[in-house]
Amino acid sequence: MLPGFVYDKVIRDCRILLGGVPFHASGNDSTWLADFRAKVEALPISYVMKPKLIEAAIEAMIRFVQPAYVDLIAAAGRLEASSST
């Protein structure tokens, strides 16, 4: 088991990763979405395909990434409660 001080950092970093669009309507893209957009824009593909790829990524982030990180935050909180220094 990790020492107690590590869990605060894990939880904080997970919450940071869940900040921004599509996880919150803050107006700014999340780290993941901003990176994905930049990579899609650099692809030598049809401009018609680019929005489709971005929409598919947004759906995957909402359906799979966000719930997984919410679970990770909850698990880290439980582990932190029983950890030692």
PDB file of N, CA and C in Angstrom:
ATOM      1  N   MET A   1       0.848  -1.179   0.000  1.00  0.00           N
ATOM      2  CA  MET A   1       0.000   0.000   0.000  1.00  0.00           C
ATOM      3  C   MET A   1       0.894   1.243   0.000  1.00  0.00           C
ATOM      4  N   LEU A   2       0.470   2.226  -0.720  1.00  0.00           N
ATOM      5  CA  LEU A   2       1.224   3.475  -0.798  1.00  0.00           C
ATOM      6  C   LEU A   2       1.078   4.280   0.495  1.00  0.00           C
ATOM      7  N   PRO A   3       2.047   5.143   0.803  1.00  0.00           N
ATOM      8  CA  PRO A   3       1.892   6.023   1.961  1.00  0.00           C
ATOM      9  C   PRO A   3       0.763   7.027   1.731  1.00  0.00           C
ATOM     10  N   GLY A   4       0.179   7.479   2.817  1.00  0.00           N
ATOM     11  CA  GLY A   4      -0.998   8.337   2.753  1.00  0.00           C
ATOM     12  C   GLY A   4      -0.853   9.587   1.910  1.00  0.00           C
ATOM     13  N   PHE A   5       0.326  10.212   1.925  1.00  0.00           N
ATOM     14  CA  PHE A   5       0.487  11.477   1.204  1.00  0.00           C
ATOM     15  C   PHE A   5       0.380  11.311  -0.318  1.00  0.00           C
ATOM     16  N   VAL A   6       0.582  10.125  -0.820  1.00  0.00           N
ATOM     17  CA  VAL A   6       0.519   9.884  -2.266  1.00  0.00           C
ATOM     18  C   VAL A   6      -0.913   9.998  -2.784  1.00  0.00           C
ATOM     19  N   TYR A   7      -1.876   9.569  -1.991  1.00  0.00           N
ATOM     20  CA  TYR A   7      -3.265   9.547  -2.454  1.00  0.00           C
ATOM     21  C   TYR A   7      -3.800  10.939  -2.737  1.00  0.00           C
ATOM     22  N   ASP A   8      -3.415  11.924  -1.939  1.00  0.00           N
ATOM     23  CA  ASP A   8      -3.845  13.298  -2.221  1.00  0.00           C
ATOM     24  C   ASP A   8      -3.402  13.732  -3.613  1.00  0.00           C
ATOM     25  N   LYS A   9      -2.177  13.393  -3.959  1.00  0.00           N
ATOM     26  CA  LYS A   9      -1.648  13.766  -5.276  1.00  0.00           C
ATOM     27  C   LYS A   9      -2.374  13.025  -6.399  1.00  0.00           C
ATOM     28  N   VAL A  10      -2.630  11.754  -6.190  1.00  0.00           N
ATOM     29  CA  VAL A  10      -3.342  10.962  -7.203  1.00  0.00           C
ATOM     30  C   VAL A  10      -4.742  11.529  -7.423  1.00  0.00           C
ATOM     31  N   ILE A  11      -5.433  11.791  -6.335  1.00  0.00           N
ATOM     32  CA  ILE A  11      -6.800  12.326  -6.427  1.00  0.00           C
ATOM     33  C   ILE A  11      -6.790  13.697  -7.096  1.00  0.00           C
ATOM     34  N   ARG A  12      -5.858  14.559  -6.706  1.00  0.00           N
ATOM     35  CA  ARG A  12      -5.761  15.894  -7.304  1.00  0.00           C
ATOM     36  C   ARG A  12      -5.511  15.801  -8.805  1.00  0.00           C
ATOM     37  N   ASP A  13      -4.553  14.966  -9.194  1.00  0.00           N
ATOM     38  CA  ASP A  13      -4.222  14.838 -10.614  1.00  0.00           C
ATOM     39  C   ASP A  13      -5.379  14.253 -11.422  1.00  0.00           C
ATOM     40  N   CYS A  14      -6.095  13.300 -10.855  1.00  0.00           N
ATOM     41  CA  CYS A  14      -7.263  12.735 -11.538  1.00  0.00           C
ATOM     42  C   CYS A  14      -8.327  13.801 -11.748  1.00  0.00           C
ATOM     43  N   ARG A  15      -8.552  14.618 -10.745  1.00  0.00           N
ATOM     44  CA  ARG A  15      -9.555  15.692 -10.873  1.00  0.00           C
ATOM     45  C   ARG A  15      -9.134  16.717 -11.915  1.00  0.00           C
ATOM     46  N   ILE A  16      -7.844  17.002 -11.992  1.00  0.00           N
ATOM     47  CA  ILE A  16      -7.350  17.928 -13.012  1.00  0.00           C
ATOM     48  C   ILE A  16      -7.609  17.360 -14.406  1.00  0.00           C
ATOM     49  N   LEU A  17      -7.357  16.063 -14.579  1.00  0.00           N
ATOM     50  CA  LEU A  17      -7.589  15.433 -15.873  1.00  0.00           C
ATOM     51  C   LEU A  17      -9.062  15.438 -16.268  1.00  0.00           C
ATOM     52  N   LEU A  18      -9.949  15.497 -15.285  1.00  0.00           N
ATOM     53  CA  LEU A  18     -11.389  15.532 -15.565  1.00  0.00           C
ATOM     54  C   LEU A  18     -11.928  16.959 -15.647  1.00  0.00           C
ATOM     55  N   GLY A  19     -11.044  17.926 -15.771  1.00  0.00           N
ATOM     56  CA  GLY A  19     -11.464  19.316 -15.902  1.00  0.00           C
ATOM     57  C   GLY A  19     -11.611  19.701 -17.367  1.00  0.00           C
ATOM     58  N   GLY A  20     -12.524  20.577 -17.649  1.00  0.00           N
ATOM     59  CA  GLY A  20     -12.697  21.077 -19.004  1.00  0.00           C
ATOM     60  C   GLY A  20     -13.653  20.241 -19.835  1.00  0.00           C
ATOM     61  N   VAL A  21     -13.840  20.685 -21.052  1.00  0.00           N
ATOM     62  CA  VAL A  21     -14.732  20.025 -22.002  1.00  0.00           C
ATOM     63  C   VAL A  21     -14.099  18.697 -22.405  1.00  0.00           C
ATOM     64  N   PRO A  22     -14.758  17.601 -22.452  1.00  0.00           N
ATOM     65  CA  PRO A  22     -16.196  17.404 -22.390  1.00  0.00           C
ATOM     66  C   PRO A  22     -16.722  17.081 -20.997  1.00  0.00           C
ATOM     67  N   PHE A  23     -15.857  17.075 -19.995  1.00  0.00           N
ATOM     68  CA  PHE A  23     -16.269  16.674 -18.659  1.00  0.00           C
ATOM     69  C   PHE A  23     -17.020  17.779 -17.916  1.00  0.00           C
ATOM     70  N   HIS A  24     -16.667  19.011 -18.197  1.00  0.00           N
ATOM     71  CA  HIS A  24     -17.329  20.187 -17.622  1.00  0.00           C
ATOM     72  C   HIS A  24     -17.429  21.247 -18.709  1.00  0.00           C
ATOM     73  N   ALA A  25     -18.474  21.991 -18.681  1.00  0.00           N
ATOM     74  CA  ALA A  25     -18.689  23.021 -19.701  1.00  0.00           C
ATOM     75  C   ALA A  25     -17.955  24.306 -19.326  1.00  0.00           C
ATOM     76  N   SER A  26     -16.650  24.207 -19.142  1.00  0.00           N
ATOM     77  CA  SER A  26     -15.872  25.360 -18.705  1.00  0.00           C
ATOM     78  C   SER A  26     -15.478  26.263 -19.860  1.00  0.00           C
ATOM     79  N   GLY A  27     -15.675  25.808 -21.087  1.00  0.00           N
ATOM     80  CA  GLY A  27     -15.266  26.596 -22.235  1.00  0.00           C
ATOM     81  C   GLY A  27     -13.891  26.214 -22.747  1.00  0.00           C
ATOM     82  N   ASN A  28     -13.059  25.624 -21.887  1.00  0.00           N
ATOM     83  CA  ASN A  28     -11.733  25.177 -22.296  1.00  0.00           C
ATOM     84  C   ASN A  28     -11.728  23.664 -22.449  1.00  0.00           C
ATOM     85  N   ASP A  29     -11.010  23.196 -23.450  1.00  0.00           N
ATOM     86  CA  ASP A  29     -10.898  21.753 -23.640  1.00  0.00           C
ATOM     87  C   ASP A  29     -10.082  21.132 -22.508  1.00  0.00           C
ATOM     88  N   SER A  30     -10.435  19.913 -22.154  1.00  0.00           N
ATOM     89  CA  SER A  30      -9.618  19.161 -21.212  1.00  0.00           C
ATOM     90  C   SER A  30      -8.263  18.894 -21.853  1.00  0.00           C
ATOM     91  N   THR A  31      -7.310  18.482 -21.054  1.00  0.00           N
ATOM     92  CA  THR A  31      -5.987  18.146 -21.566  1.00  0.00           C
ATOM     93  C   THR A  31      -6.081  17.109 -22.664  1.00  0.00           C
ATOM     94  N   TRP A  32      -6.897  16.077 -22.426  1.00  0.00           N
ATOM     95  CA  TRP A  32      -7.037  15.010 -23.413  1.00  0.00           C
ATOM     96  C   TRP A  32      -7.665  15.502 -24.709  1.00  0.00           C
ATOM     97  N   LEU A  33      -8.728  16.269 -24.589  1.00  0.00           N
ATOM     98  CA  LEU A  33      -9.422  16.720 -25.795  1.00  0.00           C
ATOM     99  C   LEU A  33      -8.559  17.697 -26.588  1.00  0.00           C
ATOM    100  N   ALA A  34      -7.869  18.579 -25.914  1.00  0.00           N
ATOM    101  CA  ALA A  34      -6.994  19.522 -26.617  1.00  0.00           C
ATOM    102  C   ALA A  34      -5.908  18.777 -27.390  1.00  0.00           C
ATOM    103  N   ASP A  35      -5.320  17.776 -26.764  1.00  0.00           N
ATOM    104  CA  ASP A  35      -4.280  16.984 -27.420  1.00  0.00           C
ATOM    105  C   ASP A  35      -4.855  16.222 -28.611  1.00  0.00           C
ATOM    106  N   PHE A  36      -6.024  15.620 -28.426  1.00  0.00           N
ATOM    107  CA  PHE A  36      -6.645  14.856 -29.508  1.00  0.00           C
ATOM    108  C   PHE A  36      -6.999  15.764 -30.675  1.00  0.00           C
ATOM    109  N   ARG A  37      -7.575  16.920 -30.377  1.00  0.00           N
ATOM    110  CA  ARG A  37      -7.927  17.869 -31.449  1.00  0.00           C
ATOM    111  C   ARG A  37      -6.694  18.246 -32.277  1.00  0.00           C
ATOM    112  N   ALA A  38      -5.608  18.560 -31.584  1.00  0.00           N
ATOM    113  CA  ALA A  38      -4.387  18.963 -32.282  1.00  0.00           C
ATOM    114  C   ALA A  38      -3.880  17.848 -33.190  1.00  0.00           C
ATOM    115  N   LYS A  39      -3.947  16.625 -32.700  1.00  0.00           N
ATOM    116  CA  LYS A  39      -3.480  15.499 -33.505  1.00  0.00           C
ATOM    117  C   LYS A  39      -4.394  15.233 -34.697  1.00  0.00           C
ATOM    118  N   VAL A  40      -5.695  15.369 -34.488  1.00  0.00           N
ATOM    119  CA  VAL A  40      -6.637  15.171 -35.598  1.00  0.00           C
ATOM    120  C   VAL A  40      -6.451  16.268 -36.643  1.00  0.00           C
ATOM    121  N   GLU A  41      -6.286  17.488 -36.203  1.00  0.00           N
ATOM    122  CA  GLU A  41      -6.101  18.589 -37.155  1.00  0.00           C
ATOM    123  C   GLU A  41      -4.848  18.394 -38.001  1.00  0.00           C
ATOM    124  N   ALA A  42      -3.845  17.724 -37.466  1.00  0.00           N
ATOM    125  CA  ALA A  42      -2.594  17.498 -38.208  1.00  0.00           C
ATOM    126  C   ALA A  42      -2.681  16.311 -39.166  1.00  0.00           C
ATOM    127  N   LEU A  43      -3.735  15.529 -39.073  1.00  0.00           N
ATOM    128  CA  LEU A  43      -3.867  14.359 -39.935  1.00  0.00           C
ATOM    129  C   LEU A  43      -4.151  14.758 -41.384  1.00  0.00           C
ATOM    130  N   PRO A  44      -3.565  14.056 -42.331  1.00  0.00           N
ATOM    131  CA  PRO A  44      -3.832  14.333 -43.742  1.00  0.00           C
ATOM    132  C   PRO A  44      -5.095  13.596 -44.218  1.00  0.00           C
ATOM    133  N   ILE A  45      -6.233  13.968 -43.618  1.00  0.00           N
ATOM    134  CA  ILE A  45      -7.505  13.339 -43.981  1.00  0.00           C
ATOM    135  C   ILE A  45      -8.503  14.418 -44.366  1.00  0.00           C
ATOM    136  N   SER A  46      -9.611  13.997 -44.884  1.00  0.00           N
ATOM    137  CA  SER A  46     -10.669  14.910 -45.303  1.00  0.00           C
ATOM    138  C   SER A  46     -11.162  15.752 -44.124  1.00  0.00           C
ATOM    139  N   TYR A  47     -11.432  17.014 -44.392  1.00  0.00           N
ATOM    140  CA  TYR A  47     -11.962  17.890 -43.344  1.00  0.00           C
ATOM    141  C   TYR A  47     -13.322  17.409 -42.846  1.00  0.00           C
ATOM    142  N   VAL A  48     -14.004  16.588 -43.630  1.00  0.00           N
ATOM    143  CA  VAL A  48     -15.298  16.035 -43.229  1.00  0.00           C
ATOM    144  C   VAL A  48     -15.115  14.985 -42.133  1.00  0.00           C
ATOM    145  N   MET A  49     -14.013  14.254 -42.161  1.00  0.00           N
ATOM    146  CA  MET A  49     -13.756  13.199 -41.176  1.00  0.00           C
ATOM    147  C   MET A  49     -13.296  13.744 -39.816  1.00  0.00           C
ATOM    148  N   LYS A  50     -12.646  14.880 -39.815  1.00  0.00           N
ATOM    149  CA  LYS A  50     -12.066  15.404 -38.576  1.00  0.00           C
ATOM    150  C   LYS A  50     -13.110  15.625 -37.481  1.00  0.00           C
ATOM    151  N   PRO A  51     -14.226  16.296 -37.755  1.00  0.00           N
ATOM    152  CA  PRO A  51     -15.230  16.466 -36.698  1.00  0.00           C
ATOM    153  C   PRO A  51     -15.822  15.140 -36.226  1.00  0.00           C
ATOM    154  N   LYS A  52     -15.918  14.182 -37.133  1.00  0.00           N
ATOM    155  CA  LYS A  52     -16.449  12.864 -36.754  1.00  0.00           C
ATOM    156  C   LYS A  52     -15.508  12.173 -35.771  1.00  0.00           C
ATOM    157  N   LEU A  53     -14.214  12.262 -36.017  1.00  0.00           N
ATOM    158  CA  LEU A  53     -13.238  11.673 -35.098  1.00  0.00           C
ATOM    159  C   LEU A  53     -13.283  12.362 -33.734  1.00  0.00           C
ATOM    160  N   ILE A  54     -13.390  13.666 -33.745  1.00  0.00           N
ATOM    161  CA  ILE A  54     -13.440  14.416 -32.486  1.00  0.00           C
ATOM    162  C   ILE A  54     -14.707  14.077 -31.708  1.00  0.00           C
ATOM    163  N   GLU A  55     -15.835  13.985 -32.389  1.00  0.00           N
ATOM    164  CA  GLU A  55     -17.085  13.617 -31.715  1.00  0.00           C
ATOM    165  C   GLU A  55     -17.009  12.208 -31.130  1.00  0.00           C
ATOM    166  N   ALA A  56     -16.391  11.283 -31.851  1.00  0.00           N
ATOM    167  CA  ALA A  56     -16.233   9.918 -31.341  1.00  0.00           C
ATOM    168  C   ALA A  56     -15.339   9.909 -30.104  1.00  0.00           C
ATOM    169  N   ALA A  57     -14.302  10.721 -30.114  1.00  0.00           N
ATOM    170  CA  ALA A  57     -13.420  10.814 -28.942  1.00  0.00           C
ATOM    171  C   ALA A  57     -14.157  11.402 -27.751  1.00  0.00           C
ATOM    172  N   ILE A  58     -14.953  12.423 -27.986  1.00  0.00           N
ATOM    173  CA  ILE A  58     -15.723  13.037 -26.905  1.00  0.00           C
ATOM    174  C   ILE A  58     -16.677  12.011 -26.293  1.00  0.00           C
ATOM    175  N   GLU A  59     -17.343  11.254 -27.136  1.00  0.00           N
ATOM    176  CA  GLU A  59     -18.260  10.229 -26.631  1.00  0.00           C
ATOM    177  C   GLU A  59     -17.511   9.192 -25.796  1.00  0.00           C
ATOM    178  N   ALA A  60     -16.363   8.756 -26.275  1.00  0.00           N
ATOM    179  CA  ALA A  60     -15.567   7.766 -25.530  1.00  0.00           C
ATOM    180  C   ALA A  60     -15.095   8.337 -24.201  1.00  0.00           C
ATOM    181  N   MET A  61     -14.705   9.597 -24.183  1.00  0.00           N
ATOM    182  CA  MET A  61     -14.253  10.225 -22.942  1.00  0.00           C
ATOM    183  C   MET A  61     -15.377  10.279 -21.914  1.00  0.00           C
ATOM    184  N   ILE A  62     -16.560  10.612 -22.374  1.00  0.00           N
ATOM    185  CA  ILE A  62     -17.706  10.704 -21.466  1.00  0.00           C
ATOM    186  C   ILE A  62     -18.160   9.323 -21.003  1.00  0.00           C
ATOM    187  N   ARG A  63     -18.210   8.370 -21.923  1.00  0.00           N
ATOM    188  CA  ARG A  63     -18.729   7.034 -21.588  1.00  0.00           C
ATOM    189  C   ARG A  63     -17.743   6.157 -20.828  1.00  0.00           C
ATOM    190  N   PHE A  64     -16.457   6.288 -21.117  1.00  0.00           N
ATOM    191  CA  PHE A  64     -15.488   5.350 -20.554  1.00  0.00           C
ATOM    192  C   PHE A  64     -14.432   6.003 -19.662  1.00  0.00           C
ATOM    193  N   VAL A  65     -13.832   7.082 -20.119  1.00  0.00           N
ATOM    194  CA  VAL A  65     -12.740   7.700 -19.364  1.00  0.00           C
ATOM    195  C   VAL A  65     -13.250   8.320 -18.072  1.00  0.00           C
ATOM    196  N   GLN A  66     -14.285   9.145 -18.157  1.00  0.00           N
ATOM    197  CA  GLN A  66     -14.796   9.819 -16.965  1.00  0.00           C
ATOM    198  C   GLN A  66     -15.245   8.831 -15.892  1.00  0.00           C
ATOM    199  N   PRO A  67     -16.057   7.825 -16.207  1.00  0.00           N
ATOM    200  CA  PRO A  67     -16.454   6.875 -15.158  1.00  0.00           C
ATOM    201  C   PRO A  67     -15.257   6.139 -14.550  1.00  0.00           C
ATOM    202  N   ALA A  68     -14.270   5.808 -15.377  1.00  0.00           N
ATOM    203  CA  ALA A  68     -13.092   5.104 -14.857  1.00  0.00           C
ATOM    204  C   ALA A  68     -12.321   5.989 -13.881  1.00  0.00           C
ATOM    205  N   TYR A  69     -12.179   7.253 -14.197  1.00  0.00           N
ATOM    206  CA  TYR A  69     -11.459   8.150 -13.296  1.00  0.00           C
ATOM    207  C   TYR A  69     -12.265   8.463 -12.044  1.00  0.00           C
ATOM    208  N   VAL A  70     -13.563   8.535 -12.150  1.00  0.00           N
ATOM    209  CA  VAL A  70     -14.403   8.714 -10.961  1.00  0.00           C
ATOM    210  C   VAL A  70     -14.223   7.512 -10.029  1.00  0.00           C
ATOM    211  N   ASP A  71     -14.200   6.319 -10.605  1.00  0.00           N
ATOM    212  CA  ASP A  71     -13.961   5.110  -9.808  1.00  0.00           C
ATOM    213  C   ASP A  71     -12.567   5.124  -9.186  1.00  0.00           C
ATOM    214  N   LEU A  72     -11.575   5.560  -9.950  1.00  0.00           N
ATOM    215  CA  LEU A  72     -10.208   5.636  -9.433  1.00  0.00           C
ATOM    216  C   LEU A  72     -10.113   6.616  -8.272  1.00  0.00           C
ATOM    217  N   ILE A  73     -10.768   7.752  -8.378  1.00  0.00           N
ATOM    218  CA  ILE A  73     -10.776   8.737  -7.293  1.00  0.00           C
ATOM    219  C   ILE A  73     -11.417   8.141  -6.044  1.00  0.00           C
ATOM    220  N   ALA A  74     -12.525   7.450  -6.214  1.00  0.00           N
ATOM    221  CA  ALA A  74     -13.204   6.822  -5.073  1.00  0.00           C
ATOM    222  C   ALA A  74     -12.328   5.755  -4.446  1.00  0.00           C
ATOM    223  N   ALA A  75     -11.680   4.925  -5.264  1.00  0.00           N
ATOM    224  CA  ALA A  75     -10.799   3.876  -4.739  1.00  0.00           C
ATOM    225  C   ALA A  75      -9.616   4.490  -4.008  1.00  0.00           C
ATOM    226  N   ALA A  76      -9.037   5.529  -4.557  1.00  0.00           N
ATOM    227  CA  ALA A  76      -7.900   6.191  -3.903  1.00  0.00           C
ATOM    228  C   ALA A  76      -8.339   6.774  -2.557  1.00  0.00           C
ATOM    229  N   GLY A  77      -9.544   7.317  -2.503  1.00  0.00           N
ATOM    230  CA  GLY A  77     -10.072   7.847  -1.236  1.00  0.00           C
ATOM    231  C   GLY A  77     -10.225   6.752  -0.190  1.00  0.00           C
ATOM    232  N   ARG A  78     -10.712   5.596  -0.606  1.00  0.00           N
ATOM    233  CA  ARG A  78     -10.857   4.470   0.330  1.00  0.00           C
ATOM    234  C   ARG A  78      -9.494   3.973   0.810  1.00  0.00           C
ATOM    235  N   LEU A  79      -8.560   3.855  -0.102  1.00  0.00           N
ATOM    236  CA  LEU A  79      -7.223   3.398   0.269  1.00  0.00           C
ATOM    237  C   LEU A  79      -6.506   4.399   1.180  1.00  0.00           C
ATOM    238  N   GLU A  80      -6.718   5.674   0.887  1.00  0.00           N
ATOM    239  CA  GLU A  80      -6.097   6.712   1.706  1.00  0.00           C
ATOM    240  C   GLU A  80      -6.546   6.620   3.153  1.00  0.00           C
ATOM    241  N   ALA A  81      -7.824   6.285   3.343  1.00  0.00           N
ATOM    242  CA  ALA A  81      -8.377   6.197   4.695  1.00  0.00           C
ATOM    243  C   ALA A  81      -7.700   5.118   5.534  1.00  0.00           C
ATOM    244  N   SER A  82      -7.181   4.067   4.879  1.00  0.00           N
ATOM    245  CA  SER A  82      -6.548   2.999   5.639  1.00  0.00           C
ATOM    246  C   SER A  82      -5.029   2.973   5.483  1.00  0.00           C
ATOM    247  N   SER A  83      -4.471   4.017   4.873  1.00  0.00           N
ATOM    248  CA  SER A  83      -3.026   4.038   4.675  1.00  0.00           C
ATOM    249  C   SER A  83      -2.326   4.664   5.883  1.00  0.00           C
ATOM    250  N   SER A  84      -1.040   4.459   5.930  1.00  0.00           N
ATOM    251  CA  SER A  84      -0.235   5.049   7.004  1.00  0.00           C
ATOM    252  C   SER A  84       0.762   6.020   6.403  1.00  0.00           C
ATOM    253  N   THR A  85       1.440   6.741   7.245  1.00  0.00           N
ATOM    254  CA  THR A  85       2.447   7.682   6.762  1.00  0.00           C
ATOM    255  C   THR A  85       3.781   7.001   6.618  1.00  0.00           C
TER     256      THR A  85
END
